[in-house]
PDB file of N, CA and C in Angstrom:
ATOM      1  N   UNK A   1      76.270-154.255 -28.398  1.00  0.00           N
ATOM      2  CA  UNK A   1      76.308-152.905 -28.866  1.00  0.00           C
ATOM      3  C   UNK A   1      75.060-152.178 -28.373  1.00  0.00           C
ATOM      4  N   UNK A   2      75.263-151.034 -27.744  1.00  0.00           N
ATOM      5  CA  UNK A   2      74.104-150.290 -27.235  1.00  0.00           C
ATOM      6  C   UNK A   2      73.727-149.183 -28.217  1.00  0.00           C
ATOM      7  N   UNK A   3      72.448-148.994 -28.345  1.00  0.00           N
ATOM      8  CA  UNK A   3      71.928-147.953 -29.254  1.00  0.00           C
ATOM      9  C   UNK A   3      71.672-146.683 -28.440  1.00  0.00           C
ATOM     10  N   UNK A   4      72.247-145.619 -28.872  1.00  0.00           N
ATOM     11  CA  UNK A   4      71.979-144.344 -28.201  1.00  0.00           C
ATOM     12  C   UNK A   4      70.819-143.652 -28.897  1.00  0.00           C
ATOM     13  N   UNK A   5      69.998-142.949 -28.136  1.00  0.00           N
ATOM     14  CA  UNK A   5      68.868-142.254 -28.760  1.00  0.00           C
ATOM     15  C   UNK A   5      69.375-141.122 -29.641  1.00  0.00           C
ATOM     16  N   UNK A   6      68.600-140.762 -30.671  1.00  0.00           N
ATOM     17  CA  UNK A   6      69.025-139.669 -31.553  1.00  0.00           C
ATOM     18  C   UNK A   6      68.988-138.339 -30.797  1.00  0.00           C
ATOM     19  N   UNK A   7      69.779-137.388 -31.247  1.00  0.00           N
ATOM     20  CA  UNK A   7      69.788-136.085 -30.577  1.00  0.00           C
ATOM     21  C   UNK A   7      68.434-135.391 -30.768  1.00  0.00           C
ATOM     22  N   UNK A   8      68.075-134.493 -29.846  1.00  0.00           N
ATOM     23  CA  UNK A   8      66.796-133.788 -29.985  1.00  0.00           C
ATOM     24  C   UNK A   8      66.822-132.856 -31.196  1.00  0.00           C
ATOM     25  N   UNK A   9      65.660-132.589 -31.765  1.00  0.00           N
ATOM     26  CA  UNK A   9      65.632-131.687 -32.926  1.00  0.00           C
ATOM     27  C   UNK A   9      65.969-130.257 -32.511  1.00  0.00           C
ATOM     28  N   UNK A  10      66.478-129.453 -33.448  1.00  0.00           N
ATOM     29  CA  UNK A  10      66.803-128.061 -33.113  1.00  0.00           C
ATOM     30  C   UNK A  10      65.519-127.285 -32.828  1.00  0.00           C
ATOM     31  N   UNK A  11      65.617-126.217 -32.035  1.00  0.00           N
ATOM     32  CA  UNK A  11      64.419-125.425 -31.731  1.00  0.00           C
ATOM     33  C   UNK A  11      63.873-124.755 -32.998  1.00  0.00           C
ATOM     34  N   UNK A  12      62.569-124.555 -33.000  1.00  0.00           N
ATOM     35  CA  UNK A  12      61.922-123.913 -34.158  1.00  0.00           C
ATOM     36  C   UNK A  12      62.399-122.480 -34.277  1.00  0.00           C
ATOM     37  N   UNK A  13      62.579-122.018 -35.502  1.00  0.00           N
ATOM     38  CA  UNK A  13      62.967-120.636 -35.736  1.00  0.00           C
ATOM     39  C   UNK A  13      64.448-120.430 -35.895  1.00  0.00           C
ATOM     40  N   UNK A  14      65.228-121.470 -35.880  1.00  0.00           N
ATOM     41  CA  UNK A  14      66.656-121.314 -36.096  1.00  0.00           C
ATOM     42  C   UNK A  14      67.431-121.369 -34.801  1.00  0.00           C
ATOM     43  N   UNK A  15      68.717-121.055 -34.872  1.00  0.00           N
ATOM     44  CA  UNK A  15      69.565-121.119 -33.686  1.00  0.00           C
ATOM     45  C   UNK A  15      69.111-120.110 -32.629  1.00  0.00           C
ATOM     46  N   UNK A  16      69.406-120.380 -31.361  1.00  0.00           N
ATOM     47  CA  UNK A  16      69.026-119.422 -30.305  1.00  0.00           C
ATOM     48  C   UNK A  16      69.677-118.069 -30.542  1.00  0.00           C
ATOM     49  N   UNK A  17      68.939-117.015 -30.254  1.00  0.00           N
ATOM     50  CA  UNK A  17      69.461-115.663 -30.420  1.00  0.00           C
ATOM     51  C   UNK A  17      69.176-115.050 -31.771  1.00  0.00           C
ATOM     52  N   UNK A  18      68.617-115.825 -32.699  1.00  0.00           N
ATOM     53  CA  UNK A  18      68.300-115.320 -34.026  1.00  0.00           C
ATOM     54  C   UNK A  18      66.792-115.276 -34.196  1.00  0.00           C
ATOM     55  N   UNK A  19      66.282-114.249 -34.845  1.00  0.00           N
ATOM     56  CA  UNK A  19      64.829-114.179 -35.056  1.00  0.00           C
ATOM     57  C   UNK A  19      64.377-115.245 -36.047  1.00  0.00           C
ATOM     58  N   UNK A  20      63.134-115.711 -35.893  1.00  0.00           N
ATOM     59  CA  UNK A  20      62.642-116.700 -36.862  1.00  0.00           C
ATOM     60  C   UNK A  20      62.437-116.065 -38.226  1.00  0.00           C
ATOM     61  N   UNK A  21      62.504-116.870 -39.249  1.00  0.00           N
ATOM     62  CA  UNK A  21      62.276-116.362 -40.596  1.00  0.00           C
ATOM     63  C   UNK A  21      63.569-116.151 -41.347  1.00  0.00           C
ATOM     64  N   UNK A  22      63.428-115.833 -42.600  1.00  0.00           N
ATOM     65  CA  UNK A  22      64.571-115.653 -43.472  1.00  0.00           C
ATOM     66  C   UNK A  22      64.750-114.175 -43.797  1.00  0.00           C
ATOM     67  N   UNK A  23      65.985-113.677 -43.813  1.00  0.00           N
ATOM     68  CA  UNK A  23      66.183-112.270 -44.167  1.00  0.00           C
ATOM     69  C   UNK A  23      65.959-111.991 -45.651  1.00  0.00           C
ATOM     70  N   UNK A  24      65.793-113.038 -46.462  1.00  0.00           N
ATOM     71  CA  UNK A  24      65.614-112.863 -47.905  1.00  0.00           C
ATOM     72  C   UNK A  24      64.158-112.939 -48.326  1.00  0.00           C
ATOM     73  N   UNK A  25      63.227-112.955 -47.369  1.00  0.00           N
ATOM     74  CA  UNK A  25      61.816-113.035 -47.717  1.00  0.00           C
ATOM     75  C   UNK A  25      61.338-114.478 -47.736  1.00  0.00           C
ATOM     76  N   UNK A  26      60.124-114.638 -48.163  1.00  0.00           N
ATOM     77  CA  UNK A  26      59.511-115.961 -48.170  1.00  0.00           C
ATOM     78  C   UNK A  26      60.031-116.783 -49.348  1.00  0.00           C
ATOM     79  N   UNK A  27      60.085-118.069 -49.133  1.00  0.00           N
ATOM     80  CA  UNK A  27      60.484-118.980 -50.207  1.00  0.00           C
ATOM     81  C   UNK A  27      59.376-119.034 -51.250  1.00  0.00           C
ATOM     82  N   UNK A  28      59.715-119.373 -52.488  1.00  0.00           N
ATOM     83  CA  UNK A  28      58.676-119.457 -53.519  1.00  0.00           C
ATOM     84  C   UNK A  28      57.565-120.422 -53.103  1.00  0.00           C
ATOM     85  N   UNK A  29      56.331-119.995 -53.315  1.00  0.00           N
ATOM     86  CA  UNK A  29      55.187-120.814 -52.947  1.00  0.00           C
ATOM     87  C   UNK A  29      54.645-120.507 -51.567  1.00  0.00           C
ATOM     88  N   UNK A  30      55.351-119.716 -50.793  1.00  0.00           N
ATOM     89  CA  UNK A  30      54.898-119.343 -49.463  1.00  0.00           C
ATOM     90  C   UNK A  30      54.502-117.874 -49.455  1.00  0.00           C
ATOM     91  N   UNK A  31      53.476-117.535 -48.658  1.00  0.00           N
ATOM     92  CA  UNK A  31      53.044-116.143 -48.573  1.00  0.00           C
ATOM     93  C   UNK A  31      53.826-115.418 -47.488  1.00  0.00           C
ATOM     94  N   UNK A  32      54.089-114.153 -47.754  1.00  0.00           N
ATOM     95  CA  UNK A  32      54.688-113.310 -46.739  1.00  0.00           C
ATOM     96  C   UNK A  32      53.576-112.791 -45.837  1.00  0.00           C
ATOM     97  N   UNK A  33      53.877-112.601 -44.578  1.00  0.00           N
ATOM     98  CA  UNK A  33      52.926-112.006 -43.644  1.00  0.00           C
ATOM     99  C   UNK A  33      53.484-110.652 -43.264  1.00  0.00           C
ATOM    100  N   UNK A  34      52.704-109.605 -43.566  1.00  0.00           N
ATOM    101  CA  UNK A  34      53.147-108.242 -43.284  1.00  0.00           C
ATOM    102  C   UNK A  34      52.039-107.481 -42.591  1.00  0.00           C
ATOM    103  N   UNK A  35      52.409-106.391 -41.976  1.00  0.00           N
ATOM    104  CA  UNK A  35      51.455-105.492 -41.344  1.00  0.00           C
ATOM    105  C   UNK A  35      51.449-104.194 -42.138  1.00  0.00           C
ATOM    106  N   UNK A  36      50.246-103.730 -42.508  1.00  0.00           N
ATOM    107  CA  UNK A  36      50.166-102.481 -43.260  1.00  0.00           C
ATOM    108  C   UNK A  36      50.540-101.328 -42.330  1.00  0.00           C
ATOM    109  N   UNK A  37      51.384-100.408 -42.776  1.00  0.00           N
ATOM    110  CA  UNK A  37      51.860 -99.349 -41.889  1.00  0.00           C
ATOM    111  C   UNK A  37      50.763 -98.389 -41.430  1.00  0.00           C
ATOM    112  N   UNK A  38      49.660 -98.275 -42.163  1.00  0.00           N
ATOM    113  CA  UNK A  38      48.596 -97.354 -41.771  1.00  0.00           C
ATOM    114  C   UNK A  38      47.464 -98.043 -41.017  1.00  0.00           C
ATOM    115  N   UNK A  39      47.598 -99.316 -40.699  1.00  0.00           N
ATOM    116  CA  UNK A  39      46.513-100.058 -40.059  1.00  0.00           C
ATOM    117  C   UNK A  39      46.106 -99.477 -38.719  1.00  0.00           C
ATOM    118  N   UNK A  40      47.065 -99.230 -37.856  1.00  0.00           N
ATOM    119  CA  UNK A  40      46.761 -98.687 -36.531  1.00  0.00           C
ATOM    120  C   UNK A  40      46.240 -97.262 -36.634  1.00  0.00           C
ATOM    121  N   UNK A  41      46.801 -96.472 -37.532  1.00  0.00           N
ATOM    122  CA  UNK A  41      46.360 -95.090 -37.706  1.00  0.00           C
ATOM    123  C   UNK A  41      44.902 -95.033 -38.141  1.00  0.00           C
ATOM    124  N   UNK A  42      44.525 -95.879 -39.092  1.00  0.00           N
ATOM    125  CA  UNK A  42      43.147 -95.901 -39.578  1.00  0.00           C
ATOM    126  C   UNK A  42      42.201 -96.300 -38.454  1.00  0.00           C
ATOM    127  N   UNK A  43      42.591 -97.304 -37.676  1.00  0.00           N
ATOM    128  CA  UNK A  43      41.738 -97.759 -36.580  1.00  0.00           C
ATOM    129  C   UNK A  43      41.568 -96.678 -35.516  1.00  0.00           C
ATOM    130  N   UNK A  44      42.651 -96.022 -35.131  1.00  0.00           N
ATOM    131  CA  UNK A  44      42.580 -94.974 -34.110  1.00  0.00           C
ATOM    132  C   UNK A  44      41.755 -93.788 -34.619  1.00  0.00           C
ATOM    133  N   UNK A  45      41.989 -93.366 -35.867  1.00  0.00           N
ATOM    134  CA  UNK A  45      41.201 -92.267 -36.427  1.00  0.00           C
ATOM    135  C   UNK A  45      39.723 -92.621 -36.496  1.00  0.00           C
ATOM    136  N   UNK A  46      39.415 -93.848 -36.873  1.00  0.00           N
ATOM    137  CA  UNK A  46      38.025 -94.280 -36.957  1.00  0.00           C
ATOM    138  C   UNK A  46      37.333 -94.269 -35.614  1.00  0.00           C
ATOM    139  N   UNK A  47      37.999 -94.783 -34.589  1.00  0.00           N
ATOM    140  CA  UNK A  47      37.405 -94.806 -33.251  1.00  0.00           C
ATOM    141  C   UNK A  47      37.256 -93.392 -32.712  1.00  0.00           C
ATOM    142  N   UNK A  48      38.293 -92.585 -32.849  1.00  0.00           N
ATOM    143  CA  UNK A  48      38.202 -91.198 -32.381  1.00  0.00           C
ATOM    144  C   UNK A  48      37.142 -90.418 -33.144  1.00  0.00           C
ATOM    145  N   UNK A  49      37.023 -90.656 -34.451  1.00  0.00           N
ATOM    146  CA  UNK A  49      36.010 -89.976 -35.248  1.00  0.00           C
ATOM    147  C   UNK A  49      34.608 -90.387 -34.868  1.00  0.00           C
ATOM    148  N   UNK A  50      34.449 -91.585 -34.386  1.00  0.00           N
ATOM    149  CA  UNK A  50      33.132 -92.084 -33.985  1.00  0.00           C
ATOM    150  C   UNK A  50      32.770 -91.647 -32.574  1.00  0.00           C
ATOM    151  N   UNK A  51      33.753 -91.607 -31.677  1.00  0.00           N
ATOM    152  CA  UNK A  51      33.470 -91.381 -30.266  1.00  0.00           C
ATOM    153  C   UNK A  51      33.763 -89.954 -29.814  1.00  0.00           C
ATOM    154  N   UNK A  52      34.885 -89.391 -30.229  1.00  0.00           N
ATOM    155  CA  UNK A  52      35.343 -88.131 -29.653  1.00  0.00           C
ATOM    156  C   UNK A  52      35.107 -86.940 -30.578  1.00  0.00           C
ATOM    157  N   UNK A  53      35.663 -86.984 -31.765  1.00  0.00           N
ATOM    158  CA  UNK A  53      35.626 -85.833 -32.671  1.00  0.00           C
ATOM    159  C   UNK A  53      35.217 -86.301 -34.060  1.00  0.00           C
ATOM    160  N   UNK A  54      34.000 -85.984 -34.451  1.00  0.00           N
ATOM    161  CA  UNK A  54      33.473 -86.430 -35.727  1.00  0.00           C
ATOM    162  C   UNK A  54      34.249 -85.928 -36.931  1.00  0.00           C
ATOM    163  N   UNK A  55      35.013 -84.863 -36.770  1.00  0.00           N
ATOM    164  CA  UNK A  55      35.774 -84.322 -37.896  1.00  0.00           C
ATOM    165  C   UNK A  55      36.898 -85.265 -38.332  1.00  0.00           C
ATOM    166  N   UNK A  56      37.273 -86.208 -37.476  1.00  0.00           N
ATOM    167  CA  UNK A  56      38.326 -87.164 -37.838  1.00  0.00           C
ATOM    168  C   UNK A  56      37.795 -88.330 -38.668  1.00  0.00           C
ATOM    169  N   UNK A  57      36.487 -88.556 -38.632  1.00  0.00           N
ATOM    170  CA  UNK A  57      35.900 -89.709 -39.309  1.00  0.00           C
ATOM    171  C   UNK A  57      36.139 -89.708 -40.824  1.00  0.00           C
ATOM    172  N   UNK A  58      35.945 -88.583 -41.535  1.00  0.00           N
ATOM    173  CA  UNK A  58      36.222 -88.622 -42.982  1.00  0.00           C
ATOM    174  C   UNK A  58      37.678 -88.948 -43.310  1.00  0.00           C
ATOM    175  N   UNK A  59      38.599 -88.530 -42.449  1.00  0.00           N
ATOM    176  CA  UNK A  59      40.016 -88.857 -42.671  1.00  0.00           C
ATOM    177  C   UNK A  59      40.251 -90.359 -42.509  1.00  0.00           C
ATOM    178  N   UNK A  60      39.591 -90.963 -41.513  1.00  0.00           N
ATOM    179  CA  UNK A  60      39.714 -92.410 -41.331  1.00  0.00           C
ATOM    180  C   UNK A  60      39.125 -93.143 -42.531  1.00  0.00           C
ATOM    181  N   UNK A  61      38.011 -92.658 -43.032  1.00  0.00           N
ATOM    182  CA  UNK A  61      37.358 -93.281 -44.189  1.00  0.00           C
ATOM    183  C   UNK A  61      38.275 -93.226 -45.411  1.00  0.00           C
ATOM    184  N   UNK A  62      38.815 -92.036 -45.698  1.00  0.00           N
ATOM    185  CA  UNK A  62      39.681 -91.861 -46.873  1.00  0.00           C
ATOM    186  C   UNK A  62      40.977 -92.669 -46.732  1.00  0.00           C
ATOM    187  N   UNK A  63      41.606 -92.584 -45.556  1.00  0.00           N
ATOM    188  CA  UNK A  63      42.860 -93.311 -45.344  1.00  0.00           C
ATOM    189  C   UNK A  63      42.612 -94.824 -45.357  1.00  0.00           C
ATOM    190  N   UNK A  64      41.471 -95.259 -44.835  1.00  0.00           N
ATOM    191  CA  UNK A  64      41.110 -96.672 -44.865  1.00  0.00           C
ATOM    192  C   UNK A  64      40.875 -97.170 -46.276  1.00  0.00           C
ATOM    193  N   UNK A  65      40.215 -96.353 -47.105  1.00  0.00           N
ATOM    194  CA  UNK A  65      40.006 -96.733 -48.510  1.00  0.00           C
ATOM    195  C   UNK A  65      41.335 -96.902 -49.234  1.00  0.00           C
ATOM    196  N   UNK A  66      42.255 -95.972 -48.987  1.00  0.00           N
ATOM    197  CA  UNK A  66      43.568 -96.050 -49.639  1.00  0.00           C
ATOM    198  C   UNK A  66      44.336 -97.287 -49.179  1.00  0.00           C
ATOM    199  N   UNK A  67      44.295 -97.555 -47.878  1.00  0.00           N
ATOM    200  CA  UNK A  67      45.004 -98.724 -47.350  1.00  0.00           C
ATOM    201  C   UNK A  67      44.394-100.021 -47.884  1.00  0.00           C
ATOM    202  N   UNK A  68      43.068-100.088 -47.996  1.00  0.00           N
ATOM    203  CA  UNK A  68      42.433-101.297 -48.527  1.00  0.00           C
ATOM    204  C   UNK A  68      42.788-101.505 -50.003  1.00  0.00           C
ATOM    205  N   UNK A  69      42.880-100.402 -50.771  1.00  0.00           N
ATOM    206  CA  UNK A  69      43.315-100.523 -52.172  1.00  0.00           C
ATOM    207  C   UNK A  69      44.733-101.072 -52.246  1.00  0.00           C
ATOM    208  N   UNK A  70      45.619-100.590 -51.369  1.00  0.00           N
ATOM    209  CA  UNK A  70      46.998-101.078 -51.357  1.00  0.00           C
ATOM    210  C   UNK A  70      47.054-102.554 -50.958  1.00  0.00           C
ATOM    211  N   UNK A  71      46.229-102.941 -49.998  1.00  0.00           N
ATOM    212  CA  UNK A  71      46.195-104.341 -49.571  1.00  0.00           C
ATOM    213  C   UNK A  71      45.672-105.224 -50.689  1.00  0.00           C
ATOM    214  N   UNK A  72      44.593-104.801 -51.341  1.00  0.00           N
ATOM    215  CA  UNK A  72      44.004-105.601 -52.420  1.00  0.00           C
ATOM    216  C   UNK A  72      44.893-105.657 -53.656  1.00  0.00           C
ATOM    217  N   UNK A  73      45.778-104.667 -53.832  1.00  0.00           N
ATOM    218  CA  UNK A  73      46.660-104.643 -54.998  1.00  0.00           C
ATOM    219  C   UNK A  73      47.806-105.651 -54.866  1.00  0.00           C
ATOM    220  N   UNK A  74      48.007-106.209 -53.676  1.00  0.00           N
ATOM    221  CA  UNK A  74      49.103-107.157 -53.451  1.00  0.00           C
ATOM    222  C   UNK A  74      48.546-108.457 -52.862  1.00  0.00           C
ATOM    223  N   UNK A  75      47.861-109.258 -53.673  1.00  0.00           N
ATOM    224  CA  UNK A  75      47.249-110.478 -53.137  1.00  0.00           C
ATOM    225  C   UNK A  75      48.252-111.560 -52.734  1.00  0.00           C
ATOM    226  N   UNK A  76      49.506-111.441 -53.173  1.00  0.00           N
ATOM    227  CA  UNK A  76      50.509-112.443 -52.812  1.00  0.00           C
ATOM    228  C   UNK A  76      51.027-112.261 -51.394  1.00  0.00           C
ATOM    229  N   UNK A  77      50.632-111.174 -50.737  1.00  0.00           N
ATOM    230  CA  UNK A  77      51.065-110.896 -49.372  1.00  0.00           C
ATOM    231  C   UNK A  77      49.877-111.100 -48.438  1.00  0.00           C
ATOM    232  N   UNK A  78      50.108-111.804 -47.334  1.00  0.00           N
ATOM    233  CA  UNK A  78      49.071-111.978 -46.325  1.00  0.00           C
ATOM    234  C   UNK A  78      49.229-110.841 -45.320  1.00  0.00           C
ATOM    235  N   UNK A  79      48.208-110.009 -45.189  1.00  0.00           N
ATOM    236  CA  UNK A  79      48.262-108.840 -44.314  1.00  0.00           C
ATOM    237  C   UNK A  79      47.710-109.226 -42.950  1.00  0.00           C
ATOM    238  N   UNK A  80      48.490-108.974 -41.912  1.00  0.00           N
ATOM    239  CA  UNK A  80      48.081-109.379 -40.565  1.00  0.00           C
ATOM    240  C   UNK A  80      47.079-108.414 -39.951  1.00  0.00           C
ATOM    241  N   UNK A  81      46.971-107.188 -40.469  1.00  0.00           N
ATOM    242  CA  UNK A  81      46.076-106.213 -39.853  1.00  0.00           C
ATOM    243  C   UNK A  81      44.997-105.716 -40.814  1.00  0.00           C
ATOM    244  N   UNK A  82      44.588-106.546 -41.735  1.00  0.00           N
ATOM    245  CA  UNK A  82      43.501-106.172 -42.655  1.00  0.00           C
ATOM    246  C   UNK A  82      42.215-105.898 -41.878  1.00  0.00           C
ATOM    247  N   UNK A  83      41.969-106.653 -40.818  1.00  0.00           N
ATOM    248  CA  UNK A  83      40.783-106.449 -39.995  1.00  0.00           C
ATOM    249  C   UNK A  83      40.788-105.103 -39.299  1.00  0.00           C
ATOM    250  N   UNK A  84      41.945-104.654 -38.847  1.00  0.00           N
ATOM    251  CA  UNK A  84      42.049-103.339 -38.207  1.00  0.00           C
ATOM    252  C   UNK A  84      41.762-102.226 -39.203  1.00  0.00           C
ATOM    253  N   UNK A  85      42.292-102.372 -40.415  1.00  0.00           N
ATOM    254  CA  UNK A  85      42.042-101.376 -41.457  1.00  0.00           C
ATOM    255  C   UNK A  85      40.549-101.338 -41.789  1.00  0.00           C
ATOM    256  N   UNK A  86      39.953-102.504 -41.918  1.00  0.00           N
ATOM    257  CA  UNK A  86      38.527-102.578 -42.241  1.00  0.00           C
ATOM    258  C   UNK A  86      37.669-102.001 -41.120  1.00  0.00           C
ATOM    259  N   UNK A  87      37.999-102.311 -39.872  1.00  0.00           N
ATOM    260  CA  UNK A  87      37.230-101.790 -38.738  1.00  0.00           C
ATOM    261  C   UNK A  87      37.355-100.270 -38.639  1.00  0.00           C
ATOM    262  N   UNK A  88      38.555 -99.742 -38.828  1.00  0.00           N
ATOM    263  CA  UNK A  88      38.743 -98.292 -38.791  1.00  0.00           C
ATOM    264  C   UNK A  88      38.006 -97.601 -39.919  1.00  0.00           C
ATOM    265  N   UNK A  89      38.005 -98.222 -41.085  1.00  0.00           N
ATOM    266  CA  UNK A  89      37.294 -97.667 -42.241  1.00  0.00           C
ATOM    267  C   UNK A  89      35.789 -97.635 -41.980  1.00  0.00           C
ATOM    268  N   UNK A  90      35.250 -98.719 -41.427  1.00  0.00           N
ATOM    269  CA  UNK A  90      33.816 -98.767 -41.132  1.00  0.00           C
ATOM    270  C   UNK A  90      33.454 -97.753 -40.052  1.00  0.00           C
ATOM    271  N   UNK A  91      34.280 -97.617 -39.025  1.00  0.00           N
ATOM    272  CA  UNK A  91      34.036 -96.581 -38.006  1.00  0.00           C
ATOM    273  C   UNK A  91      34.076 -95.194 -38.640  1.00  0.00           C
ATOM    274  N   UNK A  92      34.982 -94.996 -39.599  1.00  0.00           N
ATOM    275  CA  UNK A  92      35.050 -93.712 -40.302  1.00  0.00           C
ATOM    276  C   UNK A  92      33.802 -93.446 -41.121  1.00  0.00           C
ATOM    277  N   UNK A  93      33.261 -94.478 -41.764  1.00  0.00           N
ATOM    278  CA  UNK A  93      32.030 -94.317 -42.548  1.00  0.00           C
ATOM    279  C   UNK A  93      30.871 -93.952 -41.626  1.00  0.00           C
ATOM    280  N   UNK A  94      30.724 -94.692 -40.524  1.00  0.00           N
ATOM    281  CA  UNK A  94      29.630 -94.417 -39.587  1.00  0.00           C
ATOM    282  C   UNK A  94      29.781 -93.026 -38.984  1.00  0.00           C
ATOM    283  N   UNK A  95      31.001 -92.672 -38.578  1.00  0.00           N
ATOM    284  CA  UNK A  95      31.241 -91.343 -38.017  1.00  0.00           C
ATOM    285  C   UNK A  95      30.965 -90.230 -39.018  1.00  0.00           C
ATOM    286  N   UNK A  96      31.311 -90.459 -40.288  1.00  0.00           N
ATOM    287  CA  UNK A  96      31.047 -89.453 -41.327  1.00  0.00           C
ATOM    288  C   UNK A  96      29.553 -89.264 -41.544  1.00  0.00           C
ATOM    289  N   UNK A  97      28.807 -90.366 -41.552  1.00  0.00           N
ATOM    290  CA  UNK A  97      27.352 -90.271 -41.708  1.00  0.00           C
ATOM    291  C   UNK A  97      26.747 -89.520 -40.527  1.00  0.00           C
ATOM    292  N   UNK A  98      27.192 -89.833 -39.311  1.00  0.00           N
ATOM    293  CA  UNK A  98      26.685 -89.125 -38.135  1.00  0.00           C
ATOM    294  C   UNK A  98      27.061 -87.644 -38.179  1.00  0.00           C
ATOM    295  N   UNK A  99      28.241 -87.341 -38.676  1.00  0.00           N
ATOM    296  CA  UNK A  99      28.662 -85.945 -38.814  1.00  0.00           C
ATOM    297  C   UNK A  99      27.766 -85.208 -39.800  1.00  0.00           C
ATOM    298  N   UNK A 100      27.466 -85.831 -40.933  1.00  0.00           N
ATOM    299  CA  UNK A 100      26.602 -85.206 -41.941  1.00  0.00           C
ATOM    300  C   UNK A 100      25.197 -84.994 -41.384  1.00  0.00           C
ATOM    301  N   UNK A 101      24.668 -85.994 -40.678  1.00  0.00           N
ATOM    302  CA  UNK A 101      23.337 -85.866 -40.079  1.00  0.00           C
ATOM    303  C   UNK A 101      23.331 -84.756 -39.033  1.00  0.00           C
ATOM    304  N   UNK A 102      24.372 -84.676 -38.226  1.00  0.00           N
ATOM    305  CA  UNK A 102      24.463 -83.611 -37.217  1.00  0.00           C
ATOM    306  C   UNK A 102      24.539 -82.226 -37.829  1.00  0.00           C
ATOM    307  N   UNK A 103      25.342 -82.078 -38.876  1.00  0.00           N
ATOM    308  CA  UNK A 103      25.447 -80.774 -39.551  1.00  0.00           C
ATOM    309  C   UNK A 103      24.123 -80.412 -40.216  1.00  0.00           C
ATOM    310  N   UNK A 104      23.463 -81.380 -40.842  1.00  0.00           N
ATOM    311  CA  UNK A 104      22.167 -81.120 -41.482  1.00  0.00           C
ATOM    312  C   UNK A 104      21.129 -80.716 -40.439  1.00  0.00           C
ATOM    313  N   UNK A 105      21.132 -81.368 -39.292  1.00  0.00           N
ATOM    314  CA  UNK A 105      20.198 -81.023 -38.217  1.00  0.00           C
ATOM    315  C   UNK A 105      20.476 -79.614 -37.705  1.00  0.00           C
ATOM    316  N   UNK A 106      21.749 -79.270 -37.547  1.00  0.00           N
ATOM    317  CA  UNK A 106      22.125 -77.933 -37.087  1.00  0.00           C
ATOM    318  C   UNK A 106      21.687 -76.866 -38.089  1.00  0.00           C
ATOM    319  N   UNK A 107      21.892 -77.121 -39.364  1.00  0.00           N
ATOM    320  CA  UNK A 107      21.470 -76.175 -40.401  1.00  0.00           C
ATOM    321  C   UNK A 107      19.946 -76.044 -40.402  1.00  0.00           C
ATOM    322  N   UNK A 108      19.244 -77.157 -40.215  1.00  0.00           N
ATOM    323  CA  UNK A 108      17.788 -77.119 -40.150  1.00  0.00           C
ATOM    324  C   UNK A 108      17.298 -76.279 -38.970  1.00  0.00           C
ATOM    325  N   UNK A 109      17.942 -76.382 -37.843  1.00  0.00           N
ATOM    326  CA  UNK A 109      17.585 -75.578 -36.662  1.00  0.00           C
ATOM    327  C   UNK A 109      17.820 -74.102 -36.952  1.00  0.00           C
ATOM    328  N   UNK A 110      18.962 -73.780 -37.588  1.00  0.00           N
ATOM    329  CA  UNK A 110      19.270 -72.377 -37.914  1.00  0.00           C
ATOM    330  C   UNK A 110      18.233 -71.824 -38.893  1.00  0.00           C
ATOM    331  N   UNK A 111      17.865 -72.585 -39.911  1.00  0.00           N
ATOM    332  CA  UNK A 111      16.887 -72.137 -40.891  1.00  0.00           C
ATOM    333  C   UNK A 111      15.519 -71.959 -40.236  1.00  0.00           C
ATOM    334  N   UNK A 112      15.148 -72.877 -39.343  1.00  0.00           N
ATOM    335  CA  UNK A 112      13.847 -72.778 -38.653  1.00  0.00           C
ATOM    336  C   UNK A 112      13.836 -71.568 -37.724  1.00  0.00           C
ATOM    337  N   UNK A 113      14.951 -71.290 -37.072  1.00  0.00           N
ATOM    338  CA  UNK A 113      15.019 -70.124 -36.183  1.00  0.00           C
ATOM    339  C   UNK A 113      14.965 -68.840 -36.990  1.00  0.00           C
ATOM    340  N   UNK A 114      15.598 -68.818 -38.157  1.00  0.00           N
ATOM    341  CA  UNK A 114      15.579 -67.611 -38.999  1.00  0.00           C
ATOM    342  C   UNK A 114      14.185 -67.402 -39.593  1.00  0.00           C
ATOM    343  N   UNK A 115      13.469 -68.467 -39.869  1.00  0.00           N
ATOM    344  CA  UNK A 115      12.137 -68.355 -40.474  1.00  0.00           C
ATOM    345  C   UNK A 115      11.115 -67.833 -39.467  1.00  0.00           C
ATOM    346  N   UNK A 116      11.285 -68.156 -38.197  1.00  0.00           N
ATOM    347  CA  UNK A 116      10.329 -67.685 -37.187  1.00  0.00           C
ATOM    348  C   UNK A 116      10.651 -66.284 -36.709  1.00  0.00           C
ATOM    349  N   UNK A 117      11.829 -65.769 -36.977  1.00  0.00           N
ATOM    350  CA  UNK A 117      12.198 -64.438 -36.507  1.00  0.00           C
ATOM    351  C   UNK A 117      11.703 -63.337 -37.409  1.00  0.00           C
TER     352      UNK A 117
END
């Protein structure tokens, strides 16, 4: 009697042509992995507010704070773009501080020019 080798295991992720994962969500005890919908927006606003237009920085800061609150309110979900939200928020904070310093410097120049006139 000859022994035939066992059949190969099925490919990971289910049958071919189907996306991996379950349409009903994660099984109990497993974390879901999701992407926050505002992650890319916060990052882009933060970078643009820091590099191109400082007026966008406060919006990145505020939107980043809101997104971080939403992420922290759902600890059972693993967020794939928490780092992007955090980076955009930090860029927004730095850009906002630079904007405030720039406006204060401009006001100081105007006051100094008015005082000498």
